[in-house]
Amino acid sequence: MAKYTWFKKDVPENLCVKQVYGIVFDDAGRVLLRIEDNHYKLTGGRPEKIDANLEETLKREYFEELHVLLEEIIYLGYLLVEEKNSQYAQVRMIAKIKSIFPFRPDLDNGKLYKRFLTNQNSVKKYLNYKDEAGNKMLDEAFFLANKSYHFSFIEEEIFV
């Protein structure tokens, strides 16, 4: 079983980044979640050679999987994942939604994901992280987003 530890700092040079995910907000401060096989998830994926940097990875993954354009991306930190005899980083960023386009299948696997906007108070309920690191990461994401972005704060949850 993997062990997760949250770090609010840059990834050390000697640590491989295997994943880049985002906590993404609309203008009302709601978080965009992906629904896959009746499970709520954040969106992201693996850095690829075509990506100039980790921000480009996040932008590419959100467009491929949810057909959403992002803006105002801010680095948040990383989860150190320790499993078996290996360690690697899962980078987390926050961003704002720039545009949401009509549904279309994921360019990589053909799946059509549902998109759900929920208020910050409900995100933990939907994601249901069992570890302290994931919940601490979400708390820091909400704090930084509320400080960095100007939200109108609408509580209504909607599928988009």
N, C-alpha and C. Protein backbone atom coordinates (compact mmCIF):
# COMPACT_ATOMS: atom_id res chain seq x y z
N MET A 1 0.84 -1.18 0.00
CA MET A 1 0.00 0.00 0.00
C MET A 1 0.89 1.25 0.00
N ALA A 2 0.56 2.20 -0.84
CA ALA A 2 1.36 3.41 -0.98
C ALA A 2 1.16 4.34 0.22
N LYS A 3 2.22 5.06 0.55
CA LYS A 3 2.17 6.08 1.59
C LYS A 3 2.29 7.43 0.89
N TYR A 4 1.41 8.39 1.29
CA TYR A 4 1.39 9.72 0.69
C TYR A 4 1.76 10.75 1.74
N THR A 5 2.64 11.69 1.35
CA THR A 5 3.01 12.81 2.22
C THR A 5 2.91 14.09 1.40
N TRP A 6 2.27 15.10 1.95
CA TRP A 6 2.07 16.37 1.25
C TRP A 6 3.22 17.33 1.55
N PHE A 7 3.74 17.98 0.47
CA PHE A 7 4.77 19.00 0.59
C PHE A 7 4.34 20.23 -0.19
N LYS A 8 4.36 21.37 0.50
CA LYS A 8 4.01 22.64 -0.16
C LYS A 8 5.31 23.34 -0.54
N LYS A 9 6.04 22.72 -1.46
CA LYS A 9 7.30 23.28 -1.96
C LYS A 9 7.59 22.64 -3.31
N ASP A 10 8.67 23.10 -3.94
CA ASP A 10 9.05 22.56 -5.24
C ASP A 10 9.49 21.11 -5.12
N VAL A 11 9.30 20.36 -6.19
CA VAL A 11 9.73 18.97 -6.25
C VAL A 11 11.26 18.94 -6.30
N PRO A 12 11.92 18.14 -5.46
CA PRO A 12 13.38 18.02 -5.54
C PRO A 12 13.81 17.53 -6.92
N GLU A 13 14.97 17.98 -7.38
CA GLU A 13 15.46 17.64 -8.72
C GLU A 13 15.61 16.14 -8.93
N ASN A 14 15.92 15.41 -7.89
CA ASN A 14 16.18 13.97 -8.03
C ASN A 14 14.90 13.12 -7.96
N LEU A 15 13.75 13.76 -7.86
CA LEU A 15 12.49 13.03 -7.72
C LEU A 15 11.69 13.12 -9.02
N CYS A 16 11.32 11.98 -9.58
CA CYS A 16 10.56 11.91 -10.83
C CYS A 16 9.12 12.35 -10.60
N VAL A 17 8.60 13.20 -11.50
CA VAL A 17 7.20 13.61 -11.48
C VAL A 17 6.44 12.67 -12.41
N LYS A 18 5.55 11.88 -11.83
CA LYS A 18 4.79 10.91 -12.62
C LYS A 18 3.36 11.36 -12.89
N GLN A 19 2.93 12.46 -12.25
CA GLN A 19 1.54 12.86 -12.38
C GLN A 19 1.40 14.35 -12.11
N VAL A 20 0.51 15.01 -12.85
CA VAL A 20 0.17 16.41 -12.64
C VAL A 20 -1.36 16.52 -12.64
N TYR A 21 -1.92 16.93 -11.52
CA TYR A 21 -3.37 17.07 -11.39
C TYR A 21 -3.71 18.47 -10.92
N GLY A 22 -4.95 18.88 -11.19
CA GLY A 22 -5.37 20.22 -10.81
C GLY A 22 -6.62 20.24 -9.97
N ILE A 23 -6.69 21.24 -9.11
CA ILE A 23 -7.91 21.59 -8.42
C ILE A 23 -8.37 22.85 -9.13
N VAL A 24 -9.44 22.74 -9.91
CA VAL A 24 -9.83 23.79 -10.85
C VAL A 24 -11.16 24.40 -10.43
N PHE A 25 -11.22 25.73 -10.50
CA PHE A 25 -12.35 26.51 -9.97
C PHE A 25 -13.04 27.30 -11.07
N ASP A 26 -14.36 27.46 -10.92
CA ASP A 26 -15.08 28.38 -11.79
C ASP A 26 -15.12 29.75 -11.11
N ASP A 27 -15.77 30.72 -11.74
CA ASP A 27 -15.83 32.08 -11.18
C ASP A 27 -16.59 32.16 -9.87
N ALA A 28 -17.41 31.15 -9.59
CA ALA A 28 -18.19 31.13 -8.35
C ALA A 28 -17.46 30.39 -7.22
N GLY A 29 -16.23 29.97 -7.46
CA GLY A 29 -15.45 29.29 -6.43
C GLY A 29 -15.74 27.81 -6.31
N ARG A 30 -16.54 27.28 -7.25
CA ARG A 30 -16.84 25.85 -7.22
C ARG A 30 -15.71 25.07 -7.89
N VAL A 31 -15.54 23.82 -7.49
CA VAL A 31 -14.48 22.96 -8.00
C VAL A 31 -15.06 22.02 -9.05
N LEU A 32 -14.32 21.88 -10.16
CA LEU A 32 -14.72 20.98 -11.23
C LEU A 32 -14.20 19.58 -10.96
N LEU A 33 -15.11 18.62 -10.87
CA LEU A 33 -14.75 17.22 -10.69
C LEU A 33 -15.14 16.42 -11.92
N ARG A 34 -14.37 15.39 -12.19
CA ARG A 34 -14.66 14.45 -13.28
C ARG A 34 -15.35 13.24 -12.66
N ILE A 35 -16.38 12.74 -13.32
CA ILE A 35 -17.05 11.54 -12.84
C ILE A 35 -16.72 10.41 -13.81
N GLU A 36 -16.08 9.39 -13.25
CA GLU A 36 -15.66 8.23 -14.03
C GLU A 36 -16.11 6.97 -13.30
N ASP A 37 -16.92 6.16 -13.95
CA ASP A 37 -17.44 4.92 -13.34
C ASP A 37 -18.07 5.20 -11.98
N ASN A 38 -18.88 6.26 -11.91
CA ASN A 38 -19.60 6.68 -10.70
C ASN A 38 -18.68 7.10 -9.55
N HIS A 39 -17.43 7.45 -9.84
CA HIS A 39 -16.50 7.96 -8.83
C HIS A 39 -16.09 9.38 -9.22
N TYR A 40 -16.04 10.25 -8.21
CA TYR A 40 -15.64 11.64 -8.41
C TYR A 40 -14.12 11.73 -8.29
N LYS A 41 -13.51 12.46 -9.24
CA LYS A 41 -12.05 12.54 -9.28
C LYS A 41 -11.60 13.93 -9.72
N LEU A 42 -10.35 14.24 -9.38
CA LEU A 42 -9.68 15.39 -9.99
C LEU A 42 -9.20 14.93 -11.36
N THR A 43 -8.79 15.87 -12.18
CA THR A 43 -8.32 15.54 -13.52
C THR A 43 -6.84 15.89 -13.66
N GLY A 44 -6.16 15.10 -14.45
CA GLY A 44 -4.75 15.31 -14.72
C GLY A 44 -4.17 14.08 -15.38
N GLY A 45 -2.85 14.01 -15.40
CA GLY A 45 -2.21 12.85 -16.02
C GLY A 45 -0.70 12.96 -16.01
N ARG A 46 -0.09 12.13 -16.82
CA ARG A 46 1.38 12.04 -16.88
C ARG A 46 1.97 13.12 -17.79
N PRO A 47 3.09 13.69 -17.38
CA PRO A 47 3.81 14.60 -18.28
C PRO A 47 4.28 13.82 -19.51
N GLU A 48 4.19 14.45 -20.66
CA GLU A 48 4.64 13.84 -21.91
C GLU A 48 5.70 14.71 -22.56
N LYS A 49 6.45 14.14 -23.48
CA LYS A 49 7.53 14.87 -24.15
C LYS A 49 7.03 16.11 -24.88
N ILE A 50 5.77 16.10 -25.31
CA ILE A 50 5.23 17.25 -26.05
C ILE A 50 4.97 18.45 -25.13
N ASP A 51 4.92 18.21 -23.81
CA ASP A 51 4.63 19.28 -22.87
C ASP A 51 5.89 20.09 -22.57
N ALA A 52 5.79 21.41 -22.72
CA ALA A 52 6.93 22.28 -22.44
C ALA A 52 7.24 22.34 -20.95
N ASN A 53 6.20 22.20 -20.11
CA ASN A 53 6.36 22.27 -18.66
C ASN A 53 5.14 21.62 -18.00
N LEU A 54 5.12 21.63 -16.67
CA LEU A 54 4.03 20.97 -15.95
C LEU A 54 2.69 21.68 -16.14
N GLU A 55 2.71 22.99 -16.32
CA GLU A 55 1.46 23.72 -16.61
C GLU A 55 0.85 23.24 -17.92
N GLU A 56 1.70 23.00 -18.91
CA GLU A 56 1.21 22.51 -20.20
C GLU A 56 0.61 21.11 -20.07
N THR A 57 1.20 20.29 -19.19
CA THR A 57 0.62 18.97 -18.93
C THR A 57 -0.79 19.12 -18.40
N LEU A 58 -0.97 19.99 -17.42
CA LEU A 58 -2.29 20.19 -16.83
C LEU A 58 -3.29 20.70 -17.87
N LYS A 59 -2.89 21.69 -18.64
CA LYS A 59 -3.77 22.23 -19.68
C LYS A 59 -4.16 21.15 -20.68
N ARG A 60 -3.19 20.36 -21.13
CA ARG A 60 -3.45 19.32 -22.11
C ARG A 60 -4.42 18.27 -21.56
N GLU A 61 -4.18 17.83 -20.33
CA GLU A 61 -5.03 16.80 -19.74
C GLU A 61 -6.47 17.28 -19.56
N TYR A 62 -6.66 18.52 -19.11
CA TYR A 62 -8.02 19.04 -18.95
C TYR A 62 -8.74 19.17 -20.29
N PHE A 63 -8.00 19.54 -21.31
CA PHE A 63 -8.63 19.66 -22.62
C PHE A 63 -8.95 18.28 -23.19
N GLU A 64 -8.02 17.34 -23.09
CA GLU A 64 -8.24 15.99 -23.62
C GLU A 64 -9.39 15.27 -22.91
N GLU A 65 -9.41 15.35 -21.58
CA GLU A 65 -10.37 14.56 -20.81
C GLU A 65 -11.73 15.24 -20.64
N LEU A 66 -11.74 16.57 -20.43
CA LEU A 66 -12.99 17.26 -20.11
C LEU A 66 -13.39 18.33 -21.10
N HIS A 67 -12.51 18.62 -22.10
CA HIS A 67 -12.78 19.66 -23.08
C HIS A 67 -12.97 21.02 -22.40
N VAL A 68 -12.03 21.33 -21.49
CA VAL A 68 -12.03 22.56 -20.69
C VAL A 68 -10.69 23.26 -20.88
N LEU A 69 -10.73 24.57 -21.10
CA LEU A 69 -9.52 25.39 -21.16
C LEU A 69 -9.28 26.03 -19.79
N LEU A 70 -8.01 26.06 -19.37
CA LEU A 70 -7.62 26.61 -18.07
C LEU A 70 -6.85 27.91 -18.23
N GLU A 71 -6.87 28.71 -17.15
CA GLU A 71 -6.08 29.93 -17.07
C GLU A 71 -5.64 30.15 -15.63
N GLU A 72 -4.75 31.09 -15.43
CA GLU A 72 -4.28 31.48 -14.09
C GLU A 72 -3.84 30.27 -13.26
N ILE A 73 -2.99 29.45 -13.84
CA ILE A 73 -2.49 28.25 -13.17
C ILE A 73 -1.43 28.63 -12.15
N ILE A 74 -1.56 28.07 -10.95
CA ILE A 74 -0.61 28.33 -9.86
C ILE A 74 -0.15 27.00 -9.27
N TYR A 75 1.15 26.84 -9.15
CA TYR A 75 1.72 25.64 -8.53
C TYR A 75 1.34 25.61 -7.06
N LEU A 76 0.91 24.44 -6.57
CA LEU A 76 0.49 24.28 -5.19
C LEU A 76 1.51 23.50 -4.36
N GLY A 77 1.99 22.40 -4.88
CA GLY A 77 2.93 21.54 -4.16
C GLY A 77 2.91 20.15 -4.76
N TYR A 78 3.36 19.17 -3.96
CA TYR A 78 3.35 17.80 -4.48
C TYR A 78 3.11 16.78 -3.38
N LEU A 79 2.57 15.66 -3.80
CA LEU A 79 2.44 14.50 -2.93
C LEU A 79 3.63 13.60 -3.19
N LEU A 80 4.36 13.25 -2.14
CA LEU A 80 5.42 12.25 -2.25
C LEU A 80 4.75 10.90 -2.09
N VAL A 81 4.92 10.06 -3.09
CA VAL A 81 4.34 8.72 -3.07
C VAL A 81 5.47 7.72 -2.83
N GLU A 82 5.31 6.93 -1.78
CA GLU A 82 6.29 5.89 -1.46
C GLU A 82 5.58 4.55 -1.54
N GLU A 83 6.02 3.72 -2.47
CA GLU A 83 5.44 2.39 -2.60
C GLU A 83 6.53 1.40 -2.97
N LYS A 84 6.45 0.24 -2.36
CA LYS A 84 7.46 -0.81 -2.53
C LYS A 84 8.82 -0.19 -2.33
N ASN A 85 9.68 -0.21 -3.34
CA ASN A 85 11.02 0.36 -3.19
C ASN A 85 11.21 1.60 -4.05
N SER A 86 10.12 2.34 -4.29
CA SER A 86 10.25 3.53 -5.14
C SER A 86 9.55 4.73 -4.52
N GLN A 87 10.01 5.89 -4.94
CA GLN A 87 9.41 7.17 -4.55
C GLN A 87 9.23 8.01 -5.81
N TYR A 88 8.15 8.76 -5.87
CA TYR A 88 7.94 9.68 -6.97
C TYR A 88 6.99 10.79 -6.52
N ALA A 89 6.87 11.82 -7.35
CA ALA A 89 6.05 12.98 -7.01
C ALA A 89 4.79 13.02 -7.87
N GLN A 90 3.70 13.48 -7.24
CA GLN A 90 2.46 13.81 -7.94
C GLN A 90 2.22 15.30 -7.70
N VAL A 91 2.46 16.11 -8.71
CA VAL A 91 2.33 17.57 -8.60
C VAL A 91 0.86 17.96 -8.58
N ARG A 92 0.55 18.97 -7.79
CA ARG A 92 -0.80 19.52 -7.73
C ARG A 92 -0.73 21.02 -8.00
N MET A 93 -1.68 21.51 -8.80
CA MET A 93 -1.79 22.92 -9.15
C MET A 93 -3.24 23.34 -8.98
N ILE A 94 -3.44 24.65 -8.88
CA ILE A 94 -4.79 25.19 -8.93
C ILE A 94 -4.90 26.00 -10.21
N ALA A 95 -6.13 26.19 -10.69
CA ALA A 95 -6.34 26.97 -11.90
C ALA A 95 -7.79 27.41 -11.95
N LYS A 96 -8.05 28.35 -12.85
CA LYS A 96 -9.42 28.78 -13.11
C LYS A 96 -9.86 28.25 -14.46
N ILE A 97 -11.15 28.03 -14.58
CA ILE A 97 -11.73 27.62 -15.85
C ILE A 97 -11.83 28.84 -16.75
N LYS A 98 -11.27 28.74 -17.94
CA LYS A 98 -11.40 29.81 -18.93
C LYS A 98 -12.61 29.56 -19.82
N SER A 99 -12.76 28.32 -20.30
CA SER A 99 -13.89 27.96 -21.17
C SER A 99 -14.24 26.50 -20.98
N ILE A 100 -15.54 26.21 -21.06
CA ILE A 100 -16.03 24.84 -21.05
C ILE A 100 -16.73 24.62 -22.38
N PHE A 101 -16.26 23.62 -23.12
CA PHE A 101 -16.81 23.30 -24.42
C PHE A 101 -17.78 22.12 -24.30
N PRO A 102 -18.59 21.88 -25.34
CA PRO A 102 -19.52 20.74 -25.29
C PRO A 102 -18.77 19.42 -25.05
N PHE A 103 -19.51 18.45 -24.49
CA PHE A 103 -18.95 17.13 -24.24
C PHE A 103 -18.34 16.54 -25.50
N ARG A 104 -17.28 15.80 -25.30
CA ARG A 104 -16.72 14.96 -26.36
C ARG A 104 -15.88 13.90 -25.69
N PRO A 105 -15.64 12.79 -26.35
CA PRO A 105 -14.86 11.72 -25.72
C PRO A 105 -13.40 12.13 -25.49
N ASP A 106 -12.78 11.52 -24.46
CA ASP A 106 -11.36 11.69 -24.17
C ASP A 106 -10.57 11.28 -25.42
N LEU A 107 -9.61 12.11 -25.81
CA LEU A 107 -8.84 11.84 -27.02
C LEU A 107 -7.98 10.59 -26.89
N ASP A 108 -7.59 10.22 -25.66
CA ASP A 108 -6.74 9.04 -25.45
C ASP A 108 -7.49 7.73 -25.43
N ASN A 109 -8.64 7.69 -24.75
CA ASN A 109 -9.29 6.39 -24.53
C ASN A 109 -10.74 6.32 -25.01
N GLY A 110 -11.27 7.40 -25.54
CA GLY A 110 -12.63 7.39 -26.07
C GLY A 110 -13.73 7.49 -25.02
N LYS A 111 -13.36 7.55 -23.70
CA LYS A 111 -14.38 7.65 -22.65
C LYS A 111 -15.01 9.04 -22.65
N LEU A 112 -16.27 9.09 -22.27
CA LEU A 112 -16.97 10.36 -22.13
C LEU A 112 -17.24 10.57 -20.64
N TYR A 113 -16.52 11.50 -20.04
CA TYR A 113 -16.64 11.76 -18.60
C TYR A 113 -17.71 12.80 -18.33
N LYS A 114 -18.42 12.65 -17.23
CA LYS A 114 -19.32 13.69 -16.77
C LYS A 114 -18.49 14.75 -16.05
N ARG A 115 -18.97 16.00 -16.11
CA ARG A 115 -18.30 17.12 -15.44
C ARG A 115 -19.26 17.68 -14.39
N PHE A 116 -18.73 17.90 -13.20
CA PHE A 116 -19.58 18.30 -12.08
C PHE A 116 -18.91 19.44 -11.31
N LEU A 117 -19.63 20.53 -11.13
CA LEU A 117 -19.15 21.65 -10.31
C LEU A 117 -19.80 21.57 -8.94
N THR A 118 -18.98 21.56 -7.90
CA THR A 118 -19.49 21.50 -6.54
C THR A 118 -18.80 22.56 -5.69
N ASN A 119 -19.48 22.96 -4.63
CA ASN A 119 -18.91 23.99 -3.75
C ASN A 119 -17.74 23.40 -2.95
N GLN A 120 -16.89 24.28 -2.47
CA GLN A 120 -15.68 23.85 -1.76
C GLN A 120 -16.00 23.02 -0.52
N ASN A 121 -17.11 23.28 0.13
CA ASN A 121 -17.47 22.54 1.34
C ASN A 121 -17.83 21.08 1.06
N SER A 122 -18.16 20.76 -0.18
CA SER A 122 -18.58 19.39 -0.52
C SER A 122 -17.51 18.56 -1.22
N VAL A 123 -16.41 19.19 -1.64
CA VAL A 123 -15.39 18.48 -2.42
C VAL A 123 -14.85 17.26 -1.68
N LYS A 124 -14.52 17.42 -0.40
CA LYS A 124 -13.96 16.29 0.35
C LYS A 124 -14.93 15.12 0.43
N LYS A 125 -16.21 15.42 0.54
CA LYS A 125 -17.23 14.36 0.59
C LYS A 125 -17.22 13.56 -0.71
N TYR A 126 -17.14 14.25 -1.84
CA TYR A 126 -17.16 13.56 -3.13
C TYR A 126 -15.87 12.80 -3.41
N LEU A 127 -14.72 13.41 -3.10
CA LEU A 127 -13.44 12.75 -3.38
C LEU A 127 -13.15 11.63 -2.37
N ASN A 128 -13.60 11.83 -1.13
CA ASN A 128 -13.50 10.80 -0.10
C ASN A 128 -12.08 10.25 0.08
N TYR A 129 -11.10 11.17 0.18
CA TYR A 129 -9.72 10.74 0.43
C TYR A 129 -9.61 10.15 1.83
N LYS A 130 -8.95 9.03 1.93
CA LYS A 130 -8.78 8.35 3.22
C LYS A 130 -7.52 8.79 3.95
N ASP A 131 -6.63 9.47 3.24
CA ASP A 131 -5.35 9.85 3.85
C ASP A 131 -5.33 11.34 4.23
N GLU A 132 -4.52 11.65 5.22
CA GLU A 132 -4.37 13.03 5.68
C GLU A 132 -3.75 13.92 4.61
N ALA A 133 -2.81 13.38 3.83
CA ALA A 133 -2.09 14.17 2.84
C ALA A 133 -3.04 14.74 1.79
N GLY A 134 -3.95 13.93 1.27
CA GLY A 134 -4.88 14.40 0.25
C GLY A 134 -5.81 15.48 0.77
N ASN A 135 -6.28 15.33 2.00
CA ASN A 135 -7.17 16.33 2.58
C ASN A 135 -6.43 17.62 2.92
N LYS A 136 -5.18 17.51 3.35
CA LYS A 136 -4.37 18.70 3.62
C LYS A 136 -4.11 19.46 2.31
N MET A 137 -3.84 18.71 1.24
CA MET A 137 -3.64 19.31 -0.07
C MET A 137 -4.88 20.09 -0.50
N LEU A 138 -6.06 19.53 -0.30
CA LEU A 138 -7.29 20.23 -0.66
C LEU A 138 -7.47 21.50 0.16
N ASP A 139 -7.21 21.43 1.47
CA ASP A 139 -7.32 22.63 2.32
C ASP A 139 -6.41 23.74 1.81
N GLU A 140 -5.19 23.39 1.45
CA GLU A 140 -4.25 24.40 0.95
C GLU A 140 -4.67 24.93 -0.42
N ALA A 141 -5.27 24.07 -1.24
CA ALA A 141 -5.77 24.51 -2.55
C ALA A 141 -6.89 25.54 -2.37
N PHE A 142 -7.81 25.27 -1.46
CA PHE A 142 -8.92 26.20 -1.21
C PHE A 142 -8.39 27.52 -0.66
N PHE A 143 -7.46 27.46 0.27
CA PHE A 143 -6.90 28.68 0.86
C PHE A 143 -6.23 29.54 -0.22
N LEU A 144 -5.37 28.92 -1.03
CA LEU A 144 -4.65 29.67 -2.06
C LEU A 144 -5.60 30.22 -3.11
N ALA A 145 -6.58 29.42 -3.53
CA ALA A 145 -7.54 29.88 -4.55
C ALA A 145 -8.37 31.04 -4.04
N ASN A 146 -8.85 30.94 -2.80
CA ASN A 146 -9.67 32.02 -2.24
C ASN A 146 -8.87 33.31 -2.08
N LYS A 147 -7.57 33.17 -1.85
CA LYS A 147 -6.68 34.33 -1.73
C LYS A 147 -6.30 34.90 -3.10
N SER A 148 -6.15 34.04 -4.11
CA SER A 148 -5.61 34.44 -5.41
C SER A 148 -6.67 34.84 -6.44
N TYR A 149 -7.83 34.23 -6.37
CA TYR A 149 -8.88 34.46 -7.35
C TYR A 149 -10.03 35.22 -6.68
N HIS A 150 -10.80 35.90 -7.48
CA HIS A 150 -11.96 36.64 -6.97
C HIS A 150 -13.23 35.88 -7.33
N PHE A 151 -13.82 35.23 -6.35
CA PHE A 151 -14.99 34.39 -6.56
C PHE A 151 -16.27 35.12 -6.16
N SER A 152 -17.37 34.75 -6.81
CA SER A 152 -18.67 35.28 -6.43
C SER A 152 -19.38 34.35 -5.44
N PHE A 153 -18.86 33.15 -5.21
CA PHE A 153 -19.35 32.15 -4.25
C PHE A 153 -20.83 31.83 -4.40
N ILE A 154 -21.07 30.89 -5.31
CA ILE A 154 -22.40 30.31 -5.49
C ILE A 154 -22.30 28.86 -5.00
N GLU A 155 -23.23 28.45 -4.17
CA GLU A 155 -23.19 27.12 -3.56
C GLU A 155 -23.81 26.03 -4.45
N GLU A 156 -24.63 26.41 -5.42
CA GLU A 156 -25.35 25.45 -6.23
C GLU A 156 -24.37 24.48 -6.94
N GLU A 157 -24.73 23.19 -6.90
CA GLU A 157 -23.95 22.17 -7.60
C GLU A 157 -24.61 21.89 -8.94
N ILE A 158 -23.79 21.78 -10.00
CA ILE A 158 -24.36 21.56 -11.33
C ILE A 158 -23.46 20.66 -12.17
N PHE A 159 -24.10 19.94 -13.10
CA PHE A 159 -23.38 19.22 -14.13
C PHE A 159 -23.19 20.19 -15.29
N VAL A 160 -22.01 20.20 -15.86
CA VAL A 160 -21.73 21.13 -16.98
C VAL A 160 -21.28 20.38 -18.22
